[in-house]
Amino acid sequence: MNNLITMHHNSKIYVAGHRGLVGSAILRKLQGSGYKNIITKTHEDLDLTRQSEVEMLFKEEKPEFVFLSAAKVGGIFANCTYKAEFIYQNIMIAANVIHASYKYGVTKLLNLGSSCIYPKYAPQPMVEEYLLTGSLESTNEPYAIAKISAIKLCRYFNEQYGTNFISAMPTNLYGLNDNFDLKTSHVLPALIRKMHLGKCLQHGDFDSIRKDLKKYPIDSQNIRHLNEEEIVGLLSEVGIKSNFPTKLKPETKNLQRTTTVDVWGTGSPYREFLHANDLADACIFLMQNYNARDMQEFINVGTGKELRIVELAEMIKEIVGFRGEIRWDASKSDGTPRKLLSIEKINKLGWKAKINLHEGIKGVYEKYLESQLQLK
């Protein structure tokens, strides 16, 4: 590795998507490591899908290093429902930021992708060379195509213009600032929230349910105007169900309250999960230690460990303290059967994940509860 270019504490660094799951973790890590000259822009200040706005930012701020973590993301439901938005917005964000980085002389850029770029039935674990060797999973094809385009943009700008743009492909992520919207979230935060609401419903704790729905509304409902029976009906629509009436009659006061949580699919697929704080650590490690010419098109970032979704659900059930039943809806898609990344290359470079999955989820749930206690 010759002429390694590294960030210094006064280097001008732009974190695109700093309020998201990954971007916020990168921002915390940079700030905690002493970096002082960090550029951040909210969506209200800057629309990354508009080329003119992106180029104006780069022209005025002239960042030296860029972390491209901004993206439109979501689970299977969101990917299947908003296909056009997923491919359009993610392609535009990547194209605008990468092109502006070249045009205004960014020293180094790190582009973040997703493990969904790999073929649906790729051999396991998936090595970087498997890219474009087979058909993609249909439920997230638009997002995957956008992320593959970003990888290729970085590669071809490097080849044609000698830029130093690198790409990292993380496995499934979770952590602080995750998306807990039951219609657009990924499986892990959705399970945390469903189990939490199921536990509250089983205990008849409508105060906690109201706080949850106030912070994360379902169907834009004005929770203040809903009575308990209407709340039970609303939760039932999103697969959180109970057999007990909200107003117990004398003859039903000893009724055993049973609560169920519906989950999409069979629970049989295997998934690998990486805490966003570990990914942030990997991103800064790569930015500091490797140039584009030292690696291939991109490098995987993961833990090297997988578990079935049914095992994940049981783990979250235990952490949350939900005592009801999980029901699997086999009529809904499972998605890709397995998505285990080969992390041999990044491990050889000297980086490994540190956060245990059980402890990581426990920490996320604790923060989830803390955020609701702050609500009035």
Protein backbone atom coordinates (compact mmCIF):
# COMPACT_ATOMS: atom_id res chain seq x y z
CA MET A 1 0.00 0.00 0.00
CA ASN A 2 1.76 3.11 -1.24
CA ASN A 3 0.91 6.77 -0.58
CA LEU A 4 -1.82 5.96 1.93
CA ILE A 5 -4.16 8.92 2.31
CA THR A 6 -5.66 9.25 5.79
CA MET A 7 -8.01 11.58 7.62
CA HIS A 8 -6.66 13.97 10.25
CA HIS A 9 -8.62 15.47 13.13
CA ASN A 10 -9.03 18.74 11.22
CA SER A 11 -9.84 17.14 7.86
CA LYS A 12 -13.13 18.31 6.37
CA ILE A 13 -15.46 15.29 6.43
CA TYR A 14 -18.96 15.05 4.98
CA VAL A 15 -21.30 12.38 6.38
CA ALA A 16 -24.21 11.97 3.97
CA GLY A 17 -27.22 10.61 5.82
CA HIS A 18 -26.01 11.52 9.31
CA ARG A 19 -29.42 11.03 10.97
CA GLY A 20 -29.92 7.48 9.73
CA LEU A 21 -28.95 4.21 11.36
CA VAL A 22 -25.50 4.03 9.77
CA GLY A 23 -24.74 7.71 9.31
CA SER A 24 -25.50 8.56 12.93
CA ALA A 25 -23.20 5.75 14.08
CA ILE A 26 -20.40 7.05 11.84
CA LEU A 27 -20.95 10.58 13.14
CA ARG A 28 -20.78 9.41 16.78
CA LYS A 29 -17.63 7.43 16.08
CA LEU A 30 -15.92 10.35 14.33
CA GLN A 31 -16.84 12.79 17.09
CA GLY A 32 -15.76 10.34 19.78
CA SER A 33 -12.41 9.90 18.01
CA GLY A 34 -11.67 13.62 18.00
CA TYR A 35 -12.62 14.67 14.46
CA LYS A 36 -13.80 18.26 14.65
CA ASN A 37 -14.54 19.45 11.10
CA ILE A 38 -17.62 17.43 10.13
CA ILE A 39 -20.25 18.56 7.61
CA THR A 40 -23.85 17.39 8.08
CA LYS A 41 -27.02 18.40 6.29
CA THR A 42 -30.60 17.36 7.02
CA HIS A 43 -32.99 16.42 4.24
CA GLU A 44 -34.74 19.75 4.80
CA ASP A 45 -31.45 21.54 4.08
CA LEU A 46 -30.32 19.36 1.18
CA ASP A 47 -32.14 16.99 -1.19
CA LEU A 48 -29.49 14.52 -2.33
CA THR A 49 -31.62 13.44 -5.30
CA ARG A 50 -31.21 16.91 -6.82
CA GLN A 51 -27.89 17.28 -8.61
CA SER A 52 -27.80 21.09 -8.44
CA GLU A 53 -28.20 21.09 -4.65
CA VAL A 54 -25.51 18.44 -4.17
CA GLU A 55 -23.03 20.24 -6.41
CA MET A 56 -23.67 23.53 -4.60
CA LEU A 57 -22.83 21.86 -1.28
CA PHE A 58 -19.57 20.41 -2.60
CA LYS A 59 -18.63 23.68 -4.30
CA GLU A 60 -19.18 25.70 -1.12
CA GLU A 61 -17.92 23.25 1.52
CA LYS A 62 -15.20 21.41 -0.44
CA PRO A 63 -15.12 18.26 1.74
CA GLU A 64 -11.93 16.22 1.68
CA PHE A 65 -13.49 12.91 2.81
CA VAL A 66 -17.02 11.63 2.22
CA PHE A 67 -18.98 8.84 3.88
CA LEU A 68 -21.90 8.03 1.58
CA SER A 69 -24.38 6.43 3.99
CA ALA A 70 -27.55 8.18 2.80
CA ALA A 71 -30.16 5.86 1.28
CA LYS A 72 -33.83 4.99 1.14
CA VAL A 73 -34.07 1.69 3.02
CA GLY A 74 -36.73 -0.69 4.29
CA GLY A 75 -37.83 -4.27 4.75
CA ILE A 76 -39.62 -6.65 2.38
CA PHE A 77 -42.97 -4.82 2.56
CA ALA A 78 -41.41 -1.43 1.78
CA ASN A 79 -39.23 -2.84 -1.01
CA CYS A 80 -42.22 -4.54 -2.65
CA THR A 81 -44.51 -1.51 -2.25
CA TYR A 82 -42.21 1.36 -3.25
CA LYS A 83 -40.15 -0.23 -6.03
CA ALA A 84 -39.86 2.87 -8.20
CA GLU A 85 -38.87 5.06 -5.26
CA PHE A 86 -36.24 2.58 -4.08
CA ILE A 87 -34.45 2.38 -7.41
CA TYR A 88 -34.84 6.05 -8.37
CA GLN A 89 -33.91 7.68 -5.08
CA ASN A 90 -30.95 5.41 -4.35
CA ILE A 91 -29.50 5.72 -7.86
CA MET A 92 -29.88 9.50 -7.78
CA ILE A 93 -28.31 9.86 -4.34
CA ALA A 94 -25.31 7.74 -5.28
CA ALA A 95 -24.81 9.29 -8.72
CA ASN A 96 -25.02 12.86 -7.43
CA VAL A 97 -22.69 12.40 -4.45
CA ILE A 98 -20.12 10.31 -6.32
CA HIS A 99 -20.05 12.65 -9.33
CA ALA A 100 -19.80 15.77 -7.15
CA SER A 101 -16.98 14.11 -5.18
CA TYR A 102 -15.05 13.67 -8.41
CA LYS A 103 -15.92 17.11 -9.78
CA TYR A 104 -14.86 18.97 -6.63
CA GLY A 105 -11.75 16.99 -5.82
CA VAL A 106 -12.72 14.84 -2.83
CA THR A 107 -9.63 13.05 -1.55
CA LYS A 108 -11.39 9.82 -0.61
CA LEU A 109 -14.98 8.55 -0.58
CA LEU A 110 -16.45 5.50 1.12
CA ASN A 111 -19.67 4.20 -0.45
CA LEU A 112 -21.93 1.95 1.63
CA GLY A 113 -24.02 -0.76 0.03
CA SER A 114 -25.89 -3.85 1.16
CA SER A 115 -25.56 -7.63 1.08
CA CYS A 116 -28.72 -7.77 -1.08
CA ILE A 117 -26.48 -7.04 -4.09
CA TYR A 118 -25.65 -10.76 -4.25
CA PRO A 119 -27.60 -13.35 -6.27
CA LYS A 120 -30.54 -14.95 -4.45
CA TYR A 121 -29.00 -18.41 -4.54
CA ALA A 122 -25.33 -17.48 -4.25
CA PRO A 123 -23.11 -20.11 -2.59
CA GLN A 124 -22.55 -19.49 1.13
CA PRO A 125 -20.69 -17.69 2.56
CA MET A 126 -20.81 -15.08 -0.20
CA VAL A 127 -17.43 -13.84 -1.41
CA GLU A 128 -17.06 -10.54 -3.23
CA GLU A 129 -16.47 -12.30 -6.56
CA TYR A 130 -20.09 -13.60 -6.60
CA LEU A 131 -21.44 -10.19 -7.61
CA LEU A 132 -23.54 -10.41 -10.82
CA THR A 133 -23.17 -14.18 -11.12
CA GLY A 134 -26.92 -14.88 -10.85
CA SER A 135 -30.43 -13.45 -10.50
CA LEU A 136 -31.29 -11.13 -7.63
CA GLU A 137 -33.98 -11.69 -5.00
CA SER A 138 -37.14 -10.18 -6.52
CA THR A 139 -38.37 -8.57 -3.28
CA ASN A 140 -35.40 -6.19 -3.11
CA GLU A 141 -34.19 -6.09 -6.72
CA PRO A 142 -34.75 -2.31 -7.21
CA TYR A 143 -32.67 -1.47 -4.14
CA ALA A 144 -30.00 -4.00 -5.08
CA ILE A 145 -29.66 -2.64 -8.63
CA ALA A 146 -29.19 0.87 -7.25
CA LYS A 147 -26.49 -0.33 -4.86
CA ILE A 148 -24.72 -2.28 -7.60
CA SER A 149 -24.79 0.86 -9.73
CA ALA A 150 -23.07 2.78 -6.94
CA ILE A 151 -20.32 0.16 -6.72
CA LYS A 152 -19.76 0.37 -10.47
CA LEU A 153 -19.78 4.18 -10.40
CA CYS A 154 -16.98 4.15 -7.85
CA ARG A 155 -15.01 1.59 -9.82
CA TYR A 156 -15.30 3.37 -13.17
CA PHE A 157 -14.54 6.82 -11.75
CA ASN A 158 -11.43 5.27 -10.20
CA GLU A 159 -10.42 3.68 -13.51
CA GLN A 160 -11.12 6.70 -15.70
CA TYR A 161 -10.20 9.59 -13.43
CA GLY A 162 -7.89 8.07 -10.82
CA THR A 163 -10.23 8.87 -7.92
CA ASN A 164 -9.95 7.11 -4.57
CA PHE A 165 -13.52 5.85 -4.06
CA ILE A 166 -13.97 2.65 -2.05
CA SER A 167 -17.10 0.61 -1.32
CA ALA A 168 -18.08 -1.50 1.68
CA MET A 169 -20.96 -3.99 1.65
CA PRO A 170 -22.38 -4.62 5.13
CA THR A 171 -24.66 -7.45 6.14
CA ASN A 172 -28.08 -6.81 7.77
CA LEU A 173 -27.79 -3.95 10.24
CA TYR A 174 -29.40 -2.92 13.50
CA GLY A 175 -28.69 -0.36 16.22
CA LEU A 176 -29.60 3.06 17.58
CA ASN A 177 -31.76 5.33 15.39
CA ASP A 178 -33.23 2.33 13.63
CA ASN A 179 -36.56 2.51 11.78
CA PHE A 180 -39.39 1.06 13.90
CA ASP A 181 -42.23 1.78 11.46
CA LEU A 182 -44.01 -1.58 11.16
CA LYS A 183 -44.68 -1.09 7.44
CA THR A 184 -41.22 -0.03 6.31
CA SER A 185 -38.76 -1.39 8.89
CA HIS A 186 -36.39 -4.33 8.63
CA VAL A 187 -37.10 -7.57 10.45
CA LEU A 188 -35.09 -6.97 13.65
CA PRO A 189 -36.54 -3.58 14.70
CA ALA A 190 -40.01 -4.72 13.61
CA LEU A 191 -39.74 -7.75 15.89
CA ILE A 192 -38.56 -5.61 18.82
CA ARG A 193 -41.52 -3.28 18.46
CA LYS A 194 -44.10 -6.01 17.89
CA MET A 195 -42.91 -7.96 20.93
CA HIS A 196 -42.92 -4.77 23.03
CA LEU A 197 -46.47 -3.86 22.01
CA GLY A 198 -47.55 -7.47 22.50
CA LYS A 199 -46.15 -7.45 26.04
CA CYS A 200 -47.91 -4.17 26.84
CA LEU A 201 -51.19 -5.47 25.41
CA GLN A 202 -50.95 -8.68 27.41
CA HIS A 203 -50.48 -6.65 30.60
CA GLY A 204 -53.24 -4.20 29.68
CA ASP A 205 -50.65 -1.39 29.81
CA PHE A 206 -52.38 1.10 27.53
CA ASP A 207 -50.33 4.03 28.83
CA SER A 208 -47.18 2.44 27.39
CA ILE A 209 -48.99 1.54 24.17
CA ARG A 210 -50.14 5.16 23.77
CA LYS A 211 -46.56 6.40 24.27
CA ASP A 212 -45.31 3.94 21.65
CA LEU A 213 -47.99 4.93 19.14
CA LYS A 214 -47.34 8.61 19.82
CA LYS A 215 -43.67 8.21 18.95
CA TYR A 216 -44.24 5.81 16.03
CA PRO A 217 -47.78 6.37 14.65
CA ILE A 218 -49.56 3.64 12.70
CA ASP A 219 -51.51 4.89 9.68
CA SER A 220 -51.19 8.49 10.97
CA GLN A 221 -53.80 7.81 13.64
CA ASN A 222 -54.37 10.53 16.24
CA ILE A 223 -53.83 8.31 19.25
CA ARG A 224 -55.33 10.82 21.67
CA HIS A 225 -58.79 10.28 20.21
CA LEU A 226 -58.72 6.46 20.28
CA ASN A 227 -60.27 4.51 23.14
CA GLU A 228 -58.83 1.20 24.34
CA GLU A 229 -61.02 -0.94 22.09
CA GLU A 230 -59.95 1.09 19.06
CA ILE A 231 -56.29 0.72 20.04
CA VAL A 232 -56.74 -3.06 20.29
CA GLY A 233 -58.29 -3.00 16.81
CA LEU A 234 -55.45 -0.89 15.44
CA LEU A 235 -52.81 -3.26 16.83
CA SER A 236 -54.71 -6.23 15.42
CA GLU A 237 -54.39 -4.72 11.93
CA VAL A 238 -50.60 -4.92 12.20
CA GLY A 239 -50.57 -8.47 13.59
CA ILE A 240 -50.58 -7.84 17.36
CA LYS A 241 -53.69 -9.54 18.69
CA SER A 242 -55.34 -10.34 22.03
CA ASN A 243 -58.41 -12.35 23.03
CA PHE A 244 -59.52 -10.23 25.97
CA PRO A 245 -62.00 -7.35 26.04
CA THR A 246 -60.71 -3.99 27.22
CA LYS A 247 -63.66 -3.60 29.60
CA LEU A 248 -63.78 -6.78 31.68
CA LYS A 249 -67.13 -7.93 32.96
CA PRO A 250 -67.35 -9.67 36.36
CA GLU A 251 -67.65 -13.09 34.76
CA THR A 252 -64.50 -12.51 32.68
CA LYS A 253 -62.23 -11.02 35.35
CA ASN A 254 -60.20 -14.23 35.60
CA LEU A 255 -59.93 -14.65 31.83
CA GLN A 256 -56.48 -15.79 30.76
CA ARG A 257 -55.16 -13.04 28.53
CA THR A 258 -53.48 -14.51 25.46
CA THR A 259 -51.62 -12.34 23.01
CA THR A 260 -50.16 -13.29 19.64
CA VAL A 261 -47.71 -11.57 17.33
CA ASP A 262 -47.85 -12.34 13.60
CA VAL A 263 -44.55 -12.42 11.69
CA TRP A 264 -44.09 -12.60 7.93
CA GLY A 265 -42.77 -15.83 6.41
CA THR A 266 -41.89 -19.20 7.88
CA GLY A 267 -38.96 -18.13 10.03
CA SER A 268 -36.70 -20.58 8.20
CA PRO A 269 -34.31 -18.19 6.37
CA TYR A 270 -30.90 -17.53 7.88
CA ARG A 271 -29.65 -14.00 8.46
CA GLU A 272 -26.49 -12.36 9.73
CA PHE A 273 -26.74 -9.17 11.81
CA LEU A 274 -24.15 -6.46 12.42
CA HIS A 275 -24.48 -3.61 14.92
CA ALA A 276 -24.27 -0.18 13.26
CA ASN A 277 -21.55 0.82 15.75
CA ASP A 278 -19.39 -2.04 14.49
CA LEU A 279 -20.02 -0.94 10.90
CA ALA A 280 -19.04 2.63 11.76
CA ASP A 281 -15.81 1.32 13.25
CA ALA A 282 -15.16 -0.69 10.05
CA CYS A 283 -15.86 2.31 7.81
CA ILE A 284 -13.37 4.54 9.61
CA PHE A 285 -10.86 1.67 9.67
CA LEU A 286 -11.16 1.28 5.88
CA MET A 287 -11.07 5.01 5.23
CA GLN A 288 -7.89 5.32 7.28
CA ASN A 289 -6.03 2.24 6.17
CA TYR A 290 -6.85 1.41 2.55
CA ASN A 291 -6.96 3.06 -0.84
CA ALA A 292 -9.10 2.00 -3.79
CA ARG A 293 -6.18 0.42 -5.61
CA ASP A 294 -5.47 -1.83 -2.61
CA MET A 295 -8.78 -3.70 -2.88
CA GLN A 296 -11.16 -4.99 -5.52
CA GLU A 297 -14.46 -3.27 -6.32
CA PHE A 298 -15.71 -3.56 -2.75
CA ILE A 299 -15.27 -5.44 0.51
CA ASN A 300 -17.77 -7.27 2.72
CA VAL A 301 -18.37 -6.22 6.33
CA GLY A 302 -20.08 -8.63 8.72
CA THR A 303 -19.75 -10.93 11.71
CA GLY A 304 -19.45 -14.28 9.96
CA LYS A 305 -22.27 -15.65 12.15
CA GLU A 306 -25.87 -16.39 11.16
CA LEU A 307 -29.08 -17.61 12.76
CA ARG A 308 -32.57 -18.46 11.55
CA ILE A 309 -35.25 -15.78 11.76
CA VAL A 310 -37.22 -18.04 14.11
CA GLU A 311 -34.20 -18.08 16.45
CA LEU A 312 -33.92 -14.31 16.19
CA ALA A 313 -37.61 -13.97 17.10
CA GLU A 314 -37.19 -16.19 20.16
CA MET A 315 -34.12 -14.21 21.24
CA ILE A 316 -35.99 -10.90 20.97
CA LYS A 317 -39.01 -12.41 22.73
CA GLU A 318 -36.80 -13.31 25.69
CA ILE A 319 -35.03 -9.92 25.77
CA VAL A 320 -38.29 -7.95 25.60
CA GLY A 321 -40.09 -10.23 28.05
CA PHE A 322 -43.04 -11.06 25.78
CA ARG A 323 -44.91 -14.13 27.06
CA GLY A 324 -47.37 -14.55 24.21
CA GLU A 325 -47.27 -16.64 21.05
CA ILE A 326 -45.45 -15.98 17.77
CA ARG A 327 -47.46 -16.98 14.69
CA TRP A 328 -45.70 -17.32 11.35
CA ASP A 329 -47.54 -16.21 8.20
CA ALA A 330 -46.28 -18.61 5.54
CA SER A 331 -48.34 -16.84 2.87
CA LYS A 332 -45.81 -13.98 2.97
CA SER A 333 -42.40 -14.10 1.28
CA ASP A 334 -39.34 -15.31 3.15
CA GLY A 335 -36.95 -13.44 0.88
CA THR A 336 -33.47 -14.84 0.22
CA PRO A 337 -32.89 -18.21 1.99
CA ARG A 338 -29.43 -17.27 3.28
CA LYS A 339 -27.23 -14.16 3.16
CA LEU A 340 -24.04 -14.98 5.02
CA LEU A 341 -21.10 -12.83 3.97
CA SER A 342 -17.56 -14.05 3.67
CA ILE A 343 -15.53 -11.70 5.86
CA GLU A 344 -12.18 -13.32 5.20
CA LYS A 345 -10.79 -10.30 3.36
CA ILE A 346 -11.63 -7.63 5.93
CA ASN A 347 -10.48 -9.92 8.75
CA LYS A 348 -7.13 -10.33 6.99
CA LEU A 349 -6.87 -6.55 6.76
CA GLY A 350 -7.09 -6.46 10.56
CA TRP A 351 -10.73 -5.68 11.38
CA LYS A 352 -13.29 -7.81 13.26
CA ALA A 353 -16.76 -7.12 14.68
CA LYS A 354 -16.92 -6.81 18.47
CA ILE A 355 -20.59 -6.54 19.53
CA ASN A 356 -22.40 -9.75 20.53
CA LEU A 357 -25.88 -10.02 18.95
CA HIS A 358 -27.77 -10.71 22.19
CA GLU A 359 -26.08 -7.83 24.02
CA GLY A 360 -26.51 -5.57 21.01
CA ILE A 361 -30.26 -6.20 20.80
CA LYS A 362 -30.59 -5.77 24.56
CA GLY A 363 -28.92 -2.37 24.29
CA VAL A 364 -31.20 -1.30 21.43
CA TYR A 365 -34.31 -2.29 23.40
CA GLU A 366 -33.10 -0.42 26.47
CA LYS A 367 -32.64 2.73 24.39
CA TYR A 368 -36.05 2.14 22.81
CA LEU A 369 -37.65 2.13 26.26
CA GLU A 370 -35.66 5.18 27.37
CA SER A 371 -36.85 7.18 24.37
CA GLN A 372 -40.47 6.45 25.30
CA LEU A 373 -40.02 7.34 28.95
CA GLN A 374 -39.02 10.82 27.81
CA LEU A 375 -42.42 11.31 26.17
CA LYS A 376 -45.11 13.18 28.10
